[in-house]
Amino acid sequence: MRKLLSLLLVLVLVMGTLAACGGGGTSEEEKPYKIGIITGTVSQGEEEYQAAQNAKAKYGDMIVTATYPDNFSSETEATIAQVVGLASDPDVMAIVFVQAVPGAAAAIDKVRETRPDMLFIAGVCAEDPATIASKADICLLVDEISMGTAVIEQAAKQGAETFVHISFARHLSYATISARRDLFVSTCKELGIEYVEATAPDPTGDAGISGAQQWIIENVPALVAEYGPNTAFFSTNCGMQEPLIRTVAEQKAVYPQQCCPSPYHGYPAAFGIDVSGHEGDVEWMLEAIKAKVAEYDNSGRMSTWGIPVNMLMIEAGVEYAIAFCEGETDGALDEDVLFAKIREVGGETVVISNYEDEAAGILSNFYLLLCPFYDF
């Protein structure tokens, strides 16, 4: 009996050792943590939505997703509820929020009441920069100010002799758009490009989005007739991009980038590209657009950023969150790891800088991203 008890004890110890070494523990497929991703719906933010689905396809159940409501401006409570819902799972150790729409800061506050150690990465921040920077661990945003130089330099490479800036009073009242416009003007002067200010109808006004789009269709050909085909066009409004892209291609003019640079913004709809079966496939989309531009005999005169920046924020954010959960970062904010993850996804040429707030100064955890162009 004593021998039998001894054998049983040895067996128990051996089984316990095997379990501790991974025989019955967490496998590579079953991590001891989860990462939450909250994005817009397909109608509001297809890029980030597809990026979240790509992450889930890659990592499986380790990724949990949620979407904020389409009417996020008036439904902040619903946004907060979605974020709190993700955080209610005790295995969720990090949340990547792209876009960080109004309500994101309040949602982070609510979660931290019970989960103070939750890692928050907020991309495309729509709230006051200093406020969201005080809530999230890491904030990411497109470098709209530096575009004031980069867009004009790109247009010059594409042969532009004139640059037409299309906007309206409401947008020009925004600090970042106004500052970028000023840089457009000064950079055009430096490069010997004629700057032209064109005022279009505000899509939120009486004419609506259809009126603004009709303005593009009617006025862009007239502007090309006046200034010649070596005219570059830039509009500050998302709803104008589709007709602007199509009309510029028809006129064989120059189009350096959209207001929100991405292969998915305006180009597919403008050229009637069916993305079915290729959702989230950036390389396929770039090649499809390139072929369409060639059909218009306008190759080399239209471009965008080579990677959708919202996708970049999610992909890099997820990889950083994994490193954080694996104990591979020095605290919640480790610039060396963060920058490495961003450049692994977007390439070594991604320029990263800190946001400088007029009142709060340099925000040490708020980063601006500037990506390289892709010529079609």
Protein backbone atom coordinates (compact mmCIF):
# COMPACT_ATOMS: atom_id res chain seq x y z
CA MET A 1 0.00 0.00 0.00
CA ARG A 2 2.85 2.37 0.85
CA LYS A 3 4.46 1.64 -2.54
CA LEU A 4 1.16 2.37 -4.27
CA LEU A 5 0.74 5.65 -2.41
CA SER A 6 4.31 6.62 -3.29
CA LEU A 7 3.70 5.89 -6.97
CA LEU A 8 0.52 7.95 -6.91
CA LEU A 9 2.33 10.86 -5.26
CA VAL A 10 5.11 10.74 -7.87
CA LEU A 11 2.48 10.65 -10.64
CA VAL A 12 0.73 13.71 -9.20
CA LEU A 13 4.01 15.61 -8.96
CA VAL A 14 4.95 14.69 -12.56
CA MET A 15 1.56 15.79 -13.89
CA GLY A 16 1.80 19.04 -11.96
CA THR A 17 5.24 19.71 -13.42
CA LEU A 18 3.99 19.04 -16.96
CA ALA A 19 1.08 21.43 -16.45
CA ALA A 20 3.38 24.13 -15.11
CA CYS A 21 5.61 23.72 -18.17
CA GLY A 22 2.73 24.26 -20.54
CA GLY A 23 1.30 20.78 -20.99
CA GLY A 24 -2.05 21.94 -19.58
CA GLY A 25 -1.50 25.70 -19.53
CA THR A 26 -1.86 28.53 -22.03
CA SER A 27 -0.68 27.65 -25.55
CA GLU A 28 0.49 30.03 -28.25
CA GLU A 29 -3.07 30.00 -29.57
CA GLU A 30 -4.54 30.75 -26.14
CA LYS A 31 -2.88 33.80 -24.66
CA PRO A 32 -3.63 34.73 -21.05
CA TYR A 33 -4.88 38.13 -22.20
CA LYS A 34 -7.10 39.77 -24.80
CA ILE A 35 -6.91 43.02 -26.73
CA GLY A 36 -10.02 45.05 -27.47
CA ILE A 37 -10.43 47.12 -30.63
CA ILE A 38 -13.20 49.68 -31.05
CA THR A 39 -13.78 51.18 -34.49
CA GLY A 40 -16.46 52.77 -36.60
CA THR A 41 -18.90 50.69 -38.61
CA VAL A 42 -18.25 49.93 -42.29
CA SER A 43 -20.31 52.97 -43.27
CA GLN A 44 -18.36 55.31 -41.00
CA GLY A 45 -14.85 53.89 -41.09
CA GLU A 46 -14.30 50.91 -43.39
CA GLU A 47 -10.51 51.08 -43.14
CA GLU A 48 -10.32 50.73 -39.38
CA TYR A 49 -13.18 48.23 -39.33
CA GLN A 50 -11.40 45.96 -41.81
CA ALA A 51 -8.11 46.40 -39.93
CA ALA A 52 -9.82 45.15 -36.76
CA GLN A 53 -11.19 42.13 -38.67
CA ASN A 54 -7.73 41.44 -40.08
CA ALA A 55 -6.30 41.46 -36.54
CA LYS A 56 -9.00 39.04 -35.41
CA ALA A 57 -8.29 36.75 -38.36
CA LYS A 58 -4.59 36.80 -37.45
CA TYR A 59 -4.86 36.34 -33.69
CA GLY A 60 -8.25 34.68 -33.24
CA ASP A 61 -10.14 34.96 -29.96
CA MET A 62 -7.33 37.00 -28.44
CA ILE A 63 -8.90 39.95 -30.28
CA VAL A 64 -12.34 41.23 -29.31
CA THR A 65 -14.03 44.02 -31.28
CA ALA A 66 -16.82 46.56 -30.94
CA THR A 67 -18.03 49.55 -32.96
CA TYR A 68 -19.13 53.01 -31.93
CA PRO A 69 -22.48 54.26 -33.31
CA ASP A 70 -22.71 56.01 -36.68
CA ASN A 71 -24.22 59.07 -34.98
CA PHE A 72 -21.38 59.21 -32.49
CA SER A 73 -21.60 62.98 -31.97
CA SER A 74 -25.08 62.68 -30.46
CA GLU A 75 -24.68 59.20 -28.98
CA THR A 76 -21.66 59.51 -26.73
CA GLU A 77 -23.32 57.37 -24.06
CA ALA A 78 -23.52 54.49 -26.54
CA THR A 79 -19.82 54.91 -27.30
CA ILE A 80 -18.99 54.84 -23.60
CA ALA A 81 -21.11 51.72 -23.15
CA GLN A 82 -19.26 49.90 -25.93
CA VAL A 83 -15.86 50.66 -24.41
CA VAL A 84 -17.02 49.69 -20.92
CA GLY A 85 -18.42 46.50 -22.42
CA LEU A 86 -15.02 45.54 -23.81
CA ALA A 87 -13.35 46.32 -20.50
CA SER A 88 -15.87 44.22 -18.57
CA ASP A 89 -14.00 41.12 -19.72
CA PRO A 90 -11.23 40.72 -17.10
CA ASP A 91 -8.94 39.17 -19.72
CA VAL A 92 -8.93 42.36 -21.82
CA MET A 93 -5.72 44.14 -20.86
CA ALA A 94 -5.54 46.77 -23.63
CA ILE A 95 -7.96 48.68 -25.87
CA VAL A 96 -7.07 50.22 -29.23
CA PHE A 97 -9.55 53.00 -30.09
CA VAL A 98 -9.63 54.15 -33.75
CA GLN A 99 -11.25 56.53 -34.30
CA ALA A 100 -11.22 58.11 -30.84
CA VAL A 101 -14.47 59.98 -31.46
CA PRO A 102 -16.18 62.35 -28.98
CA GLY A 103 -16.88 60.35 -25.85
CA ALA A 104 -13.54 58.53 -25.90
CA ALA A 105 -12.09 60.54 -23.01
CA ALA A 106 -15.19 59.96 -20.88
CA ALA A 107 -15.14 56.26 -21.76
CA ILE A 108 -11.52 55.95 -20.64
CA ASP A 109 -12.36 57.69 -17.35
CA LYS A 110 -15.26 55.27 -16.79
CA VAL A 111 -13.12 52.20 -17.43
CA ARG A 112 -10.30 53.41 -15.22
CA GLU A 113 -12.69 53.55 -12.27
CA THR A 114 -12.47 49.74 -12.10
CA ARG A 115 -9.55 48.95 -14.45
CA PRO A 116 -6.86 51.56 -13.70
CA ASP A 117 -4.13 49.50 -15.38
CA MET A 118 -5.91 49.15 -18.74
CA LEU A 119 -3.70 50.26 -21.65
CA PHE A 120 -5.48 52.72 -23.96
CA ILE A 121 -4.21 53.62 -27.43
CA ALA A 122 -6.35 56.35 -29.03
CA GLY A 123 -6.00 56.92 -32.76
CA VAL A 124 -7.54 59.70 -34.89
CA CYS A 125 -8.34 61.72 -31.79
CA ALA A 126 -11.36 63.98 -32.30
CA GLU A 127 -11.40 65.59 -28.87
CA ASP A 128 -9.21 68.35 -27.47
CA PRO A 129 -5.62 67.06 -27.80
CA ALA A 130 -4.56 68.03 -24.28
CA THR A 131 -7.67 66.42 -22.81
CA ILE A 132 -7.42 63.08 -24.61
CA ALA A 133 -3.66 62.99 -23.99
CA SER A 134 -4.34 63.24 -20.26
CA LYS A 135 -6.66 60.21 -20.45
CA ALA A 136 -5.12 57.75 -22.93
CA ASP A 137 -1.65 56.23 -22.62
CA ILE A 138 -0.84 56.83 -26.30
CA CYS A 139 -2.51 59.16 -28.83
CA LEU A 140 -2.03 59.06 -32.62
CA LEU A 141 -3.11 61.51 -35.32
CA VAL A 142 -2.32 62.33 -38.94
CA ASP A 143 0.20 65.18 -39.19
CA GLU A 144 -2.11 67.66 -40.93
CA ILE A 145 0.24 70.59 -40.36
CA SER A 146 3.23 69.00 -42.09
CA MET A 147 0.97 68.21 -45.03
CA GLY A 148 1.15 71.94 -45.76
CA THR A 149 4.66 71.36 -47.06
CA ALA A 150 4.51 67.71 -48.16
CA VAL A 151 1.43 68.05 -50.40
CA ILE A 152 2.89 70.97 -52.36
CA GLU A 153 6.24 69.22 -52.77
CA GLN A 154 4.42 66.14 -54.07
CA ALA A 155 2.36 68.24 -56.49
CA ALA A 156 5.56 69.85 -57.78
CA LYS A 157 7.06 66.41 -58.48
CA GLN A 158 3.92 65.58 -60.46
CA GLY A 159 4.40 68.63 -62.67
CA ALA A 160 2.04 71.10 -61.00
CA GLU A 161 2.41 74.76 -61.92
CA THR A 162 -0.78 75.85 -60.13
CA PHE A 163 -2.30 74.64 -56.86
CA VAL A 164 -6.03 75.06 -56.21
CA HIS A 165 -7.14 74.86 -52.58
CA ILE A 166 -10.88 74.11 -52.35
CA SER A 167 -12.56 74.85 -49.03
CA PHE A 168 -15.20 77.01 -47.30
CA ALA A 169 -15.47 79.34 -44.31
CA ARG A 170 -16.37 76.72 -41.70
CA HIS A 171 -13.34 74.58 -42.44
CA LEU A 172 -11.02 77.56 -42.69
CA SER A 173 -12.01 78.47 -39.13
CA TYR A 174 -10.42 75.25 -37.85
CA ALA A 175 -6.94 75.90 -36.45
CA THR A 176 -5.20 72.95 -38.14
CA ILE A 177 -6.81 73.55 -41.56
CA SER A 178 -6.01 77.25 -41.39
CA ALA A 179 -2.40 76.59 -40.38
CA ARG A 180 -2.03 74.04 -43.16
CA ARG A 181 -3.49 76.49 -45.69
CA ASP A 182 -0.91 79.09 -44.63
CA LEU A 183 1.85 76.53 -45.26
CA PHE A 184 0.31 75.70 -48.65
CA VAL A 185 0.61 79.38 -49.56
CA SER A 186 4.20 79.81 -48.37
CA THR A 187 5.41 76.51 -49.88
CA CYS A 188 3.82 77.36 -53.23
CA LYS A 189 5.67 80.67 -53.18
CA GLU A 190 8.98 78.95 -52.39
CA LEU A 191 8.54 76.45 -55.24
CA GLY A 192 7.23 78.95 -57.79
CA ILE A 193 3.74 77.46 -57.93
CA GLU A 194 0.73 79.75 -58.33
CA TYR A 195 -1.66 79.41 -55.39
CA VAL A 196 -5.42 79.72 -56.05
CA GLU A 197 -8.10 79.81 -53.34
CA ALA A 198 -11.45 78.40 -54.48
CA THR A 199 -14.56 78.65 -52.30
CA ALA A 200 -17.03 75.78 -52.63
CA PRO A 201 -20.43 75.41 -50.96
CA ASP A 202 -20.33 74.05 -47.42
CA PRO A 203 -21.83 70.51 -47.54
CA THR A 204 -23.63 71.25 -44.27
CA GLY A 205 -25.31 74.30 -45.80
CA ASP A 206 -28.45 74.66 -47.90
CA ALA A 207 -26.89 73.06 -50.98
CA GLY A 208 -25.94 69.95 -49.03
CA ILE A 209 -23.37 67.38 -50.09
CA SER A 210 -24.93 67.04 -53.55
CA GLY A 211 -24.53 70.77 -54.14
CA ALA A 212 -20.89 70.67 -53.05
CA GLN A 213 -20.20 67.72 -55.34
CA GLN A 214 -21.94 69.43 -58.25
CA TRP A 215 -19.71 72.47 -57.68
CA ILE A 216 -16.66 70.21 -58.15
CA ILE A 217 -18.05 68.69 -61.36
CA GLU A 218 -18.80 72.10 -62.86
CA ASN A 219 -15.84 74.16 -61.65
CA VAL A 220 -12.82 71.87 -61.86
CA PRO A 221 -12.96 71.64 -65.69
CA ALA A 222 -13.31 75.44 -65.83
CA LEU A 223 -10.26 75.86 -63.59
CA VAL A 224 -8.25 73.46 -65.75
CA ALA A 225 -9.32 75.42 -68.83
CA GLU A 226 -8.10 78.61 -67.14
CA TYR A 227 -4.82 77.43 -65.62
CA GLY A 228 -3.97 74.38 -67.76
CA PRO A 229 -3.72 70.65 -66.99
CA ASN A 230 -0.65 71.16 -64.80
CA THR A 231 -3.00 72.27 -62.04
CA ALA A 232 -3.13 70.38 -58.74
CA PHE A 233 -6.34 70.18 -56.72
CA PHE A 234 -6.87 69.70 -53.00
CA SER A 235 -10.19 69.81 -51.13
CA THR A 236 -10.59 69.93 -47.34
CA ASN A 237 -13.89 68.00 -47.43
CA CYS A 238 -14.26 64.20 -47.50
CA GLY A 239 -17.54 64.26 -49.43
CA MET A 240 -15.94 66.12 -52.33
CA GLN A 241 -13.13 63.61 -52.93
CA GLU A 242 -15.02 61.17 -55.14
CA PRO A 243 -16.13 63.68 -57.82
CA LEU A 244 -12.82 65.53 -57.51
CA ILE A 245 -10.76 62.38 -58.20
CA ARG A 246 -12.89 61.40 -61.16
CA THR A 247 -12.94 64.90 -62.66
CA VAL A 248 -9.19 65.41 -62.19
CA ALA A 249 -8.55 62.10 -63.95
CA GLU A 250 -10.85 63.10 -66.82
CA GLN A 251 -9.09 66.45 -67.13
CA LYS A 252 -5.63 64.84 -66.82
CA ALA A 253 -4.79 67.28 -64.04
CA VAL A 254 -2.82 66.68 -60.81
CA TYR A 255 -4.13 65.18 -57.57
CA PRO A 256 -1.46 64.73 -54.85
CA GLN A 257 -3.72 63.34 -52.10
CA GLN A 258 -7.11 63.45 -50.43
CA CYS A 259 -7.87 65.42 -47.26
CA CYS A 260 -7.54 62.06 -45.46
CA PRO A 261 -4.86 60.17 -47.44
CA SER A 262 -5.70 56.51 -48.04
CA PRO A 263 -6.20 54.18 -51.01
CA TYR A 264 -9.75 53.63 -49.77
CA HIS A 265 -10.79 57.26 -49.54
CA GLY A 266 -12.64 58.38 -52.66
CA TYR A 267 -10.65 56.37 -55.19
CA PRO A 268 -12.71 53.12 -55.26
CA ALA A 269 -16.03 54.95 -55.65
CA ALA A 270 -14.62 57.45 -58.15
CA PHE A 271 -13.33 54.69 -60.40
CA GLY A 272 -16.08 52.12 -59.77
CA ILE A 273 -13.69 49.59 -58.23
CA ASP A 274 -15.47 46.57 -56.74
CA VAL A 275 -13.58 45.59 -53.58
CA SER A 276 -15.63 42.45 -52.93
CA GLY A 277 -13.30 39.69 -51.84
CA HIS A 278 -10.42 42.11 -51.36
CA GLU A 279 -11.58 43.99 -48.27
CA GLY A 280 -8.56 45.25 -46.34
CA ASP A 281 -6.09 44.13 -49.03
CA VAL A 282 -4.09 47.33 -49.45
CA GLU A 283 -1.68 46.08 -52.12
CA TRP A 284 -4.56 44.87 -54.29
CA MET A 285 -6.31 48.22 -53.92
CA LEU A 286 -3.20 50.20 -54.85
CA GLU A 287 -2.71 48.12 -57.99
CA ALA A 288 -6.39 48.42 -58.92
CA ILE A 289 -6.29 52.22 -58.63
CA LYS A 290 -3.02 52.38 -60.56
CA ALA A 291 -4.63 50.46 -63.43
CA LYS A 292 -7.63 52.81 -63.47
CA VAL A 293 -5.44 55.92 -63.52
CA ALA A 294 -3.56 54.42 -66.47
CA GLU A 295 -6.87 53.95 -68.29
CA TYR A 296 -7.36 57.72 -68.02
CA ASP A 297 -3.82 58.21 -69.38
CA ASN A 298 -2.91 60.15 -66.27
CA SER A 299 -0.23 57.92 -64.72
CA GLY A 300 2.24 59.67 -62.42
CA ARG A 301 -0.07 62.60 -61.74
CA MET A 302 -2.28 61.16 -59.00
CA SER A 303 -1.28 59.72 -55.63
CA THR A 304 -2.14 59.05 -52.00
CA TRP A 305 -0.33 57.60 -49.00
CA GLY A 306 0.86 54.04 -49.57
CA ILE A 307 -0.86 52.77 -46.45
CA PRO A 308 -4.23 53.74 -44.97
CA VAL A 309 -3.19 55.64 -41.87
CA ASN A 310 -6.17 54.42 -39.83
CA MET A 311 -5.20 50.83 -40.60
CA LEU A 312 -1.63 51.66 -39.64
CA MET A 313 -2.78 52.94 -36.26
CA ILE A 314 -4.75 49.77 -35.53
CA GLU A 315 -2.14 47.31 -36.77
CA ALA A 316 0.72 49.04 -34.96
CA GLY A 317 -1.50 49.61 -31.93
CA VAL A 318 -2.34 45.91 -31.66
CA GLU A 319 1.31 44.88 -32.03
CA TYR A 320 2.33 47.38 -29.36
CA ALA A 321 -0.47 46.16 -27.07
CA ILE A 322 0.80 42.59 -27.47
CA ALA A 323 4.31 43.70 -26.54
CA PHE A 324 2.88 45.52 -23.51
CA CYS A 325 0.92 42.47 -22.37
CA GLU A 326 3.99 40.25 -22.88
CA GLY A 327 6.04 42.53 -20.64
CA GLU A 328 8.25 43.69 -23.51
CA THR A 329 7.73 47.43 -22.95
CA ASP A 330 9.08 49.74 -20.31
CA GLY A 331 5.70 50.72 -18.86
CA ALA A 332 2.61 51.84 -20.74
CA LEU A 333 4.54 54.25 -22.99
CA ASP A 334 7.75 52.96 -24.49
CA GLU A 335 8.69 55.13 -27.47
CA ASP A 336 11.36 52.76 -28.74
CA VAL A 337 8.90 49.87 -29.01
CA LEU A 338 6.03 52.07 -30.25
CA PHE A 339 8.07 53.69 -33.03
CA ALA A 340 9.44 50.30 -34.06
CA LYS A 341 5.92 48.85 -34.35
CA ILE A 342 4.69 51.85 -36.36
CA ARG A 343 7.58 51.54 -38.81
CA GLU A 344 7.24 47.77 -39.07
CA VAL A 345 3.73 48.35 -40.40
CA GLY A 346 4.13 51.64 -42.27
CA GLY A 347 7.78 51.47 -43.32
CA GLU A 348 10.95 53.19 -42.15
CA THR A 349 10.02 56.46 -43.86
CA VAL A 350 7.05 57.19 -41.57
CA VAL A 351 7.81 60.49 -39.84
CA ILE A 352 6.75 60.62 -36.19
CA SER A 353 6.63 63.81 -34.13
CA ASN A 354 4.97 65.12 -30.98
CA TYR A 355 1.87 67.29 -31.00
CA GLU A 356 2.51 70.79 -29.66
CA ASP A 357 -0.53 72.33 -28.00
CA GLU A 358 -0.74 76.12 -27.82
CA ALA A 359 -1.74 76.07 -24.16
CA ALA A 360 -0.27 72.83 -22.81
CA GLY A 361 2.94 72.78 -24.84
CA ILE A 362 4.45 69.56 -26.21
CA LEU A 363 2.27 66.53 -25.43
CA SER A 364 4.76 63.76 -24.71
CA ASN A 365 2.33 60.89 -25.44
CA PHE A 366 0.57 62.43 -28.48
CA TYR A 367 2.18 61.54 -31.81
CA LEU A 368 1.65 62.86 -35.33
CA LEU A 369 2.25 60.57 -38.32
CA LEU A 370 3.34 61.54 -41.82
CA CYS A 371 3.54 58.69 -44.35
CA PRO A 372 5.19 58.46 -47.77
CA PHE A 373 3.27 58.95 -51.00
CA TYR A 374 2.31 56.22 -53.47
CA ASP A 375 2.24 57.35 -57.10
CA PHE A 376 -0.37 55.87 -59.40
